[in-house]
C-alpha cells in the first residue's frame, strides 16, 4: 500500500495486461435506494429519488456488504408490470442476490453517454421588484406595568394522619397474645 502525504493508505490494484487493455471505464448515475427486500421472492423495493429506471437498464446495487450488477428484467409498481419508473415512485425489481435496506442503486451508463438528468427548465428573467417604501414610525405606547405579585400563603405539606382503626386482616388488627 502506498500512502499519500495526508497519511491515508491507498490500496494498489494490479491488473493483468489483458484485463488492463480491455478495462472499460463505466459511468454511473444514482437512481435511488433500496427501502425493503423481500427475501422469499428475492425482490428489492426501490425508491427512485434521482433518476428514472427502465427495463433493460443495467443497474449496480451497492452498500457496505452488497455489490450487485445486473440488468433490469422486471419492474413493477403496486403489482402491475411497468416499462419505466419515474422519479418519486417506488418500484419492485427482481434481483439475483440479497440486497439490504439503505443500499444505493446506480444506473450504469455506456462510456461517452452524458449523465443527463431530468431536463432543467430555464427560468424567465424578471425585472427586479420595486423596493418597498419605508414605513412611517408609529407612536410608541407605554408598556403596561407588571403588577406586584401578592404574597402567597405558605402551603402546608400534606402529612399522613395516623390510622385510628386498623383494617381487618392487617398486622395491627391481630391479637398479640401468640
C-alpha atoms as a PDB file:
ATOM      1  CA  UNK A   1       0.000   0.000   0.000  1.00  0.00           C
ATOM      2  CA  UNK A   2       1.224   3.435  -0.781  1.00  0.00           C
ATOM      3  CA  UNK A   3       0.340   6.387   1.349  1.00  0.00           C
ATOM      4  CA  UNK A   4      -0.315   9.975   0.485  1.00  0.00           C
ATOM      5  CA  UNK A   5       1.007  12.960   2.371  1.00  0.00           C
ATOM      6  CA  UNK A   6      -2.255  13.032   4.390  1.00  0.00           C
ATOM      7  CA  UNK A   7      -1.413   9.594   5.814  1.00  0.00           C
ATOM      8  CA  UNK A   8      -4.311   7.730   4.146  1.00  0.00           C
ATOM      9  CA  UNK A   9      -3.394   4.373   2.708  1.00  0.00           C
ATOM     10  CA  UNK A  10      -4.475   3.776  -0.891  1.00  0.00           C
ATOM     11  CA  UNK A  11      -4.707   0.126  -1.948  1.00  0.00           C
ATOM     12  CA  UNK A  12      -2.931  -0.712  -5.190  1.00  0.00           C
ATOM     13  CA  UNK A  13      -4.811  -2.602  -7.839  1.00  0.00           C
ATOM     14  CA  UNK A  14      -2.868  -4.773 -10.185  1.00  0.00           C
ATOM     15  CA  UNK A  15      -4.443  -5.799 -13.464  1.00  0.00           C
ATOM     16  CA  UNK A  16      -3.002  -8.190 -15.994  1.00  0.00           C
ATOM     17  CA  UNK A  17      -2.102  -6.707 -19.362  1.00  0.00           C
ATOM     18  CA  UNK A  18      -5.141  -8.342 -20.916  1.00  0.00           C
ATOM     19  CA  UNK A  19      -7.508  -7.099 -18.213  1.00  0.00           C
ATOM     20  CA  UNK A  20      -5.936  -3.650 -18.251  1.00  0.00           C
ATOM     21  CA  UNK A  21      -6.281  -3.259 -22.017  1.00  0.00           C
ATOM     22  CA  UNK A  22      -9.906  -4.415 -22.027  1.00  0.00           C
ATOM     23  CA  UNK A  23     -10.949  -2.483 -18.915  1.00  0.00           C
ATOM     24  CA  UNK A  24     -13.786  -0.109 -19.708  1.00  0.00           C
ATOM     25  CA  UNK A  25     -14.495   2.921 -17.607  1.00  0.00           C
ATOM     26  CA  UNK A  26     -18.218   2.929 -16.923  1.00  0.00           C
ATOM     27  CA  UNK A  27     -20.066   5.965 -15.741  1.00  0.00           C
ATOM     28  CA  UNK A  28     -22.842   5.506 -13.237  1.00  0.00           C
ATOM     29  CA  UNK A  29     -25.685   7.694 -12.095  1.00  0.00           C
ATOM     30  CA  UNK A  30     -27.541   7.369  -8.820  1.00  0.00           C
ATOM     31  CA  UNK A  31     -31.137   6.286  -9.314  1.00  0.00           C
ATOM     32  CA  UNK A  32     -32.402   5.732  -5.786  1.00  0.00           C
ATOM     33  CA  UNK A  33     -32.105   3.484  -2.763  1.00  0.00           C
ATOM     34  CA  UNK A  34     -33.438   0.163  -1.553  1.00  0.00           C
ATOM     35  CA  UNK A  35     -36.029   0.597   1.187  1.00  0.00           C
ATOM     36  CA  UNK A  36     -37.088  -3.050   1.570  1.00  0.00           C
ATOM     37  CA  UNK A  37     -36.037  -6.520   0.447  1.00  0.00           C
ATOM     38  CA  UNK A  38     -38.446  -9.425   0.131  1.00  0.00           C
ATOM     39  CA  UNK A  39     -36.290 -12.494   0.709  1.00  0.00           C
ATOM     40  CA  UNK A  40     -38.641 -15.314  -0.293  1.00  0.00           C
ATOM     41  CA  UNK A  41     -39.379 -13.870  -3.710  1.00  0.00           C
ATOM     42  CA  UNK A  42     -35.991 -12.067  -3.992  1.00  0.00           C
ATOM     43  CA  UNK A  43     -37.405  -8.639  -4.847  1.00  0.00           C
ATOM     44  CA  UNK A  44     -35.886  -5.286  -3.952  1.00  0.00           C
ATOM     45  CA  UNK A  45     -38.248  -2.375  -3.299  1.00  0.00           C
ATOM     46  CA  UNK A  46     -36.513   0.722  -4.646  1.00  0.00           C
ATOM     47  CA  UNK A  47     -37.452   4.362  -4.056  1.00  0.00           C
ATOM     48  CA  UNK A  48     -36.473   6.355  -7.170  1.00  0.00           C
ATOM     49  CA  UNK A  49     -35.059   9.678  -5.974  1.00  0.00           C
ATOM     50  CA  UNK A  50     -32.632  10.941  -8.603  1.00  0.00           C
ATOM     51  CA  UNK A  51     -33.399   9.405 -11.997  1.00  0.00           C
ATOM     52  CA  UNK A  52     -35.735   7.137 -13.933  1.00  0.00           C
ATOM     53  CA  UNK A  53     -35.331   3.374 -14.269  1.00  0.00           C
ATOM     54  CA  UNK A  54     -36.484   1.286 -17.233  1.00  0.00           C
ATOM     55  CA  UNK A  55     -36.452  -2.352 -18.273  1.00  0.00           C
ATOM     56  CA  UNK A  56     -33.153  -3.113 -19.998  1.00  0.00           C
ATOM     57  CA  UNK A  57     -31.073  -0.664 -17.936  1.00  0.00           C
ATOM     58  CA  UNK A  58     -28.026  -2.143 -16.247  1.00  0.00           C
ATOM     59  CA  UNK A  59     -28.013  -1.304 -12.538  1.00  0.00           C
ATOM     60  CA  UNK A  60     -25.482  -1.653  -9.761  1.00  0.00           C
ATOM     61  CA  UNK A  61     -26.747  -2.035  -6.207  1.00  0.00           C
ATOM     62  CA  UNK A  62     -24.028  -1.123  -3.771  1.00  0.00           C
ATOM     63  CA  UNK A  63     -23.840  -0.975   0.002  1.00  0.00           C
ATOM     64  CA  UNK A  64     -21.475  -1.814   2.866  1.00  0.00           C
ATOM     65  CA  UNK A  65     -21.843  -5.561   2.262  1.00  0.00           C
ATOM     66  CA  UNK A  66     -23.544  -5.592  -1.141  1.00  0.00           C
ATOM     67  CA  UNK A  67     -22.173  -5.225  -4.654  1.00  0.00           C
ATOM     68  CA  UNK A  68     -24.534  -6.486  -7.338  1.00  0.00           C
ATOM     69  CA  UNK A  69     -24.582  -5.659 -11.021  1.00  0.00           C
ATOM     70  CA  UNK A  70     -27.413  -6.874 -13.253  1.00  0.00           C
ATOM     71  CA  UNK A  71     -29.826  -5.735 -15.976  1.00  0.00           C
ATOM     72  CA  UNK A  72     -33.365  -4.754 -15.041  1.00  0.00           C
ATOM     73  CA  UNK A  73     -35.541  -7.633 -16.261  1.00  0.00           C
ATOM     74  CA  UNK A  74     -38.803  -6.927 -14.437  1.00  0.00           C
ATOM     75  CA  UNK A  75     -40.167  -3.739 -12.941  1.00  0.00           C
ATOM     76  CA  UNK A  76     -43.433  -3.444 -11.019  1.00  0.00           C
ATOM     77  CA  UNK A  77     -45.391  -0.714  -9.295  1.00  0.00           C
ATOM     78  CA  UNK A  78     -48.145  -1.963  -6.941  1.00  0.00           C
ATOM     79  CA  UNK A  79     -48.032  -5.468  -8.532  1.00  0.00           C
ATOM     80  CA  UNK A  80     -48.521  -4.028 -12.036  1.00  0.00           C
ATOM     81  CA  UNK A  81     -45.733  -4.609 -14.560  1.00  0.00           C
ATOM     82  CA  UNK A  82     -44.419  -1.318 -15.972  1.00  0.00           C
ATOM     83  CA  UNK A  83     -41.768  -0.489 -18.552  1.00  0.00           C
ATOM     84  CA  UNK A  84     -40.332   2.525 -16.725  1.00  0.00           C
ATOM     85  CA  UNK A  85     -40.371   4.069 -13.246  1.00  0.00           C
ATOM     86  CA  UNK A  86     -40.285   7.831 -12.790  1.00  0.00           C
ATOM     87  CA  UNK A  87     -38.664   9.956 -10.084  1.00  0.00           C
ATOM     88  CA  UNK A  88     -40.623   9.789  -6.823  1.00  0.00           C
ATOM     89  CA  UNK A  89     -42.117   6.350  -7.482  1.00  0.00           C
ATOM     90  CA  UNK A  90     -41.455   3.172  -5.520  1.00  0.00           C
ATOM     91  CA  UNK A  91     -40.771   0.177  -7.768  1.00  0.00           C
ATOM     92  CA  UNK A  92     -40.139  -3.511  -7.223  1.00  0.00           C
ATOM     93  CA  UNK A  93     -37.317  -5.235  -9.088  1.00  0.00           C
ATOM     94  CA  UNK A  94     -36.370  -8.913  -9.164  1.00  0.00           C
ATOM     95  CA  UNK A  95     -32.733  -9.348  -8.045  1.00  0.00           C
ATOM     96  CA  UNK A  96     -30.323 -12.293  -8.209  1.00  0.00           C
ATOM     97  CA  UNK A  97     -28.743 -11.812  -4.767  1.00  0.00           C
ATOM     98  CA  UNK A  98     -29.724 -10.472  -1.383  1.00  0.00           C
ATOM     99  CA  UNK A  99     -29.693  -6.690  -1.054  1.00  0.00           C
ATOM    100  CA  UNK A 100     -30.219  -4.648   2.069  1.00  0.00           C
ATOM    101  CA  UNK A 101     -32.079  -1.546   3.123  1.00  0.00           C
ATOM    102  CA  UNK A 102     -30.231   1.721   2.518  1.00  0.00           C
ATOM    103  CA  UNK A 103     -28.211   0.207  -0.369  1.00  0.00           C
ATOM    104  CA  UNK A 104     -27.786   2.689  -3.210  1.00  0.00           C
ATOM    105  CA  UNK A 105     -28.969   1.866  -6.724  1.00  0.00           C
ATOM    106  CA  UNK A 106     -26.928   3.212  -9.648  1.00  0.00           C
ATOM    107  CA  UNK A 107     -27.686   3.078 -13.369  1.00  0.00           C
ATOM    108  CA  UNK A 108     -24.586   2.118 -15.365  1.00  0.00           C
ATOM    109  CA  UNK A 109     -24.172   4.262 -18.468  1.00  0.00           C
ATOM    110  CA  UNK A 110     -22.135   3.231 -21.519  1.00  0.00           C
ATOM    111  CA  UNK A 111     -18.927   5.251 -21.963  1.00  0.00           C
ATOM    112  CA  UNK A 112     -19.394   8.506 -23.810  1.00  0.00           C
ATOM    113  CA  UNK A 113     -23.039   8.862 -22.780  1.00  0.00           C
ATOM    114  CA  UNK A 114     -23.609  12.087 -20.857  1.00  0.00           C
ATOM    115  CA  UNK A 115     -25.193  11.555 -17.455  1.00  0.00           C
ATOM    116  CA  UNK A 116     -28.128  13.785 -18.299  1.00  0.00           C
ATOM    117  CA  UNK A 117     -30.703  14.140 -15.611  1.00  0.00           C
ATOM    118  CA  UNK A 118     -34.212  15.475 -15.854  1.00  0.00           C
ATOM    119  CA  UNK A 119     -34.477  18.479 -18.164  1.00  0.00           C
ATOM    120  CA  UNK A 120     -33.768  21.724 -16.408  1.00  0.00           C
ATOM    121  CA  UNK A 121     -36.302  24.421 -17.212  1.00  0.00           C
ATOM    122  CA  UNK A 122     -34.863  27.846 -17.867  1.00  0.00           C
ATOM    123  CA  UNK A 123     -36.258  30.435 -15.520  1.00  0.00           C
ATOM    124  CA  UNK A 124     -37.531  33.555 -17.262  1.00  0.00           C
ATOM    125  CA  UNK A 125     -35.723  36.667 -16.186  1.00  0.00           C
ATOM    126  CA  UNK A 126     -37.864  39.223 -14.445  1.00  0.00           C
ATOM    127  CA  UNK A 127     -37.219  42.834 -13.687  1.00  0.00           C
ATOM    128  CA  UNK A 128     -36.223  43.496 -10.119  1.00  0.00           C
ATOM    129  CA  UNK A 129     -39.283  44.116  -7.932  1.00  0.00           C
ATOM    130  CA  UNK A 130     -39.731  47.712  -6.774  1.00  0.00           C
ATOM    131  CA  UNK A 131     -38.246  48.489  -3.420  1.00  0.00           C
ATOM    132  CA  UNK A 132     -40.838  48.799  -0.643  1.00  0.00           C
ATOM    133  CA  UNK A 133     -41.407  52.270   0.750  1.00  0.00           C
ATOM    134  CA  UNK A 134     -40.112  52.831   4.267  1.00  0.00           C
ATOM    135  CA  UNK A 135     -42.793  52.579   6.921  1.00  0.00           C
ATOM    136  CA  UNK A 136     -43.732  55.546   8.998  1.00  0.00           C
ATOM    137  CA  UNK A 137     -42.724  55.389  12.620  1.00  0.00           C
ATOM    138  CA  UNK A 138     -45.666  54.586  14.857  1.00  0.00           C
ATOM    139  CA  UNK A 139     -46.120  56.392  18.123  1.00  0.00           C
ATOM    140  CA  UNK A 140     -44.994  54.190  20.953  1.00  0.00           C
ATOM    141  CA  UNK A 141     -47.495  53.260  23.608  1.00  0.00           C
ATOM    142  CA  UNK A 142     -46.411  52.996  27.213  1.00  0.00           C
ATOM    143  CA  UNK A 143     -45.985  49.371  28.167  1.00  0.00           C
ATOM    144  CA  UNK A 144     -48.303  48.158  30.924  1.00  0.00           C
ATOM    145  CA  UNK A 145     -46.560  47.690  34.241  1.00  0.00           C
ATOM    146  CA  UNK A 146     -46.398  44.337  35.834  1.00  0.00           C
ATOM    147  CA  UNK A 147     -48.468  44.139  38.950  1.00  0.00           C
ATOM    148  CA  UNK A 148     -46.681  43.315  42.118  1.00  0.00           C
ATOM    149  CA  UNK A 149     -47.334  39.714  42.973  1.00  0.00           C
ATOM    150  CA  UNK A 150     -49.441  39.284  46.065  1.00  0.00           C
ATOM    151  CA  UNK A 151     -47.709  37.308  48.778  1.00  0.00           C
ATOM    152  CA  UNK A 152     -48.915  33.792  48.824  1.00  0.00           C
ATOM    153  CA  UNK A 153     -49.551  31.967  51.999  1.00  0.00           C
ATOM    154  CA  UNK A 154     -47.152  29.098  52.614  1.00  0.00           C
ATOM    155  CA  UNK A 155     -48.639  25.798  51.581  1.00  0.00           C
ATOM    156  CA  UNK A 156     -48.870  23.201  54.327  1.00  0.00           C
ATOM    157  CA  UNK A 157     -47.230  19.968  53.496  1.00  0.00           C
ATOM    158  CA  UNK A 158     -49.616  17.062  53.399  1.00  0.00           C
ATOM    159  CA  UNK A 159     -48.890  14.689  56.245  1.00  0.00           C
ATOM    160  CA  UNK A 160     -50.039  11.175  56.823  1.00  0.00           C
ATOM    161  CA  UNK A 161     -52.523  11.045  59.573  1.00  0.00           C
ATOM    162  CA  UNK A 162     -52.248   8.193  61.994  1.00  0.00           C
ATOM    163  CA  UNK A 163     -54.729   5.445  61.489  1.00  0.00           C
ATOM    164  CA  UNK A 164     -57.236   5.281  64.242  1.00  0.00           C
ATOM    165  CA  UNK A 165     -58.514   1.898  63.374  1.00  0.00           C
ATOM    166  CA  UNK A 166     -56.573  -0.913  61.749  1.00  0.00           C
ATOM    167  CA  UNK A 167     -58.106  -2.674  58.826  1.00  0.00           C
ATOM    168  CA  UNK A 168     -59.257  -6.235  59.413  1.00  0.00           C
ATOM    169  CA  UNK A 169     -56.619  -8.741  58.356  1.00  0.00           C
ATOM    170  CA  UNK A 170     -53.690  -6.405  58.811  1.00  0.00           C
ATOM    171  CA  UNK A 171     -50.997  -6.833  61.437  1.00  0.00           C
ATOM    172  CA  UNK A 172     -52.442  -4.149  63.653  1.00  0.00           C
ATOM    173  CA  UNK A 173     -55.779  -5.964  63.970  1.00  0.00           C
ATOM    174  CA  UNK A 174     -54.285  -9.288  65.080  1.00  0.00           C
ATOM    175  CA  UNK A 175     -54.111 -10.130  68.673  1.00  0.00           C
ATOM    176  CA  UNK A 176     -50.637 -10.124  70.140  1.00  0.00           C
ATOM    177  CA  UNK A 177     -51.112 -12.964  72.537  1.00  0.00           C
ATOM    178  CA  UNK A 178     -49.447 -15.655  70.456  1.00  0.00           C
END
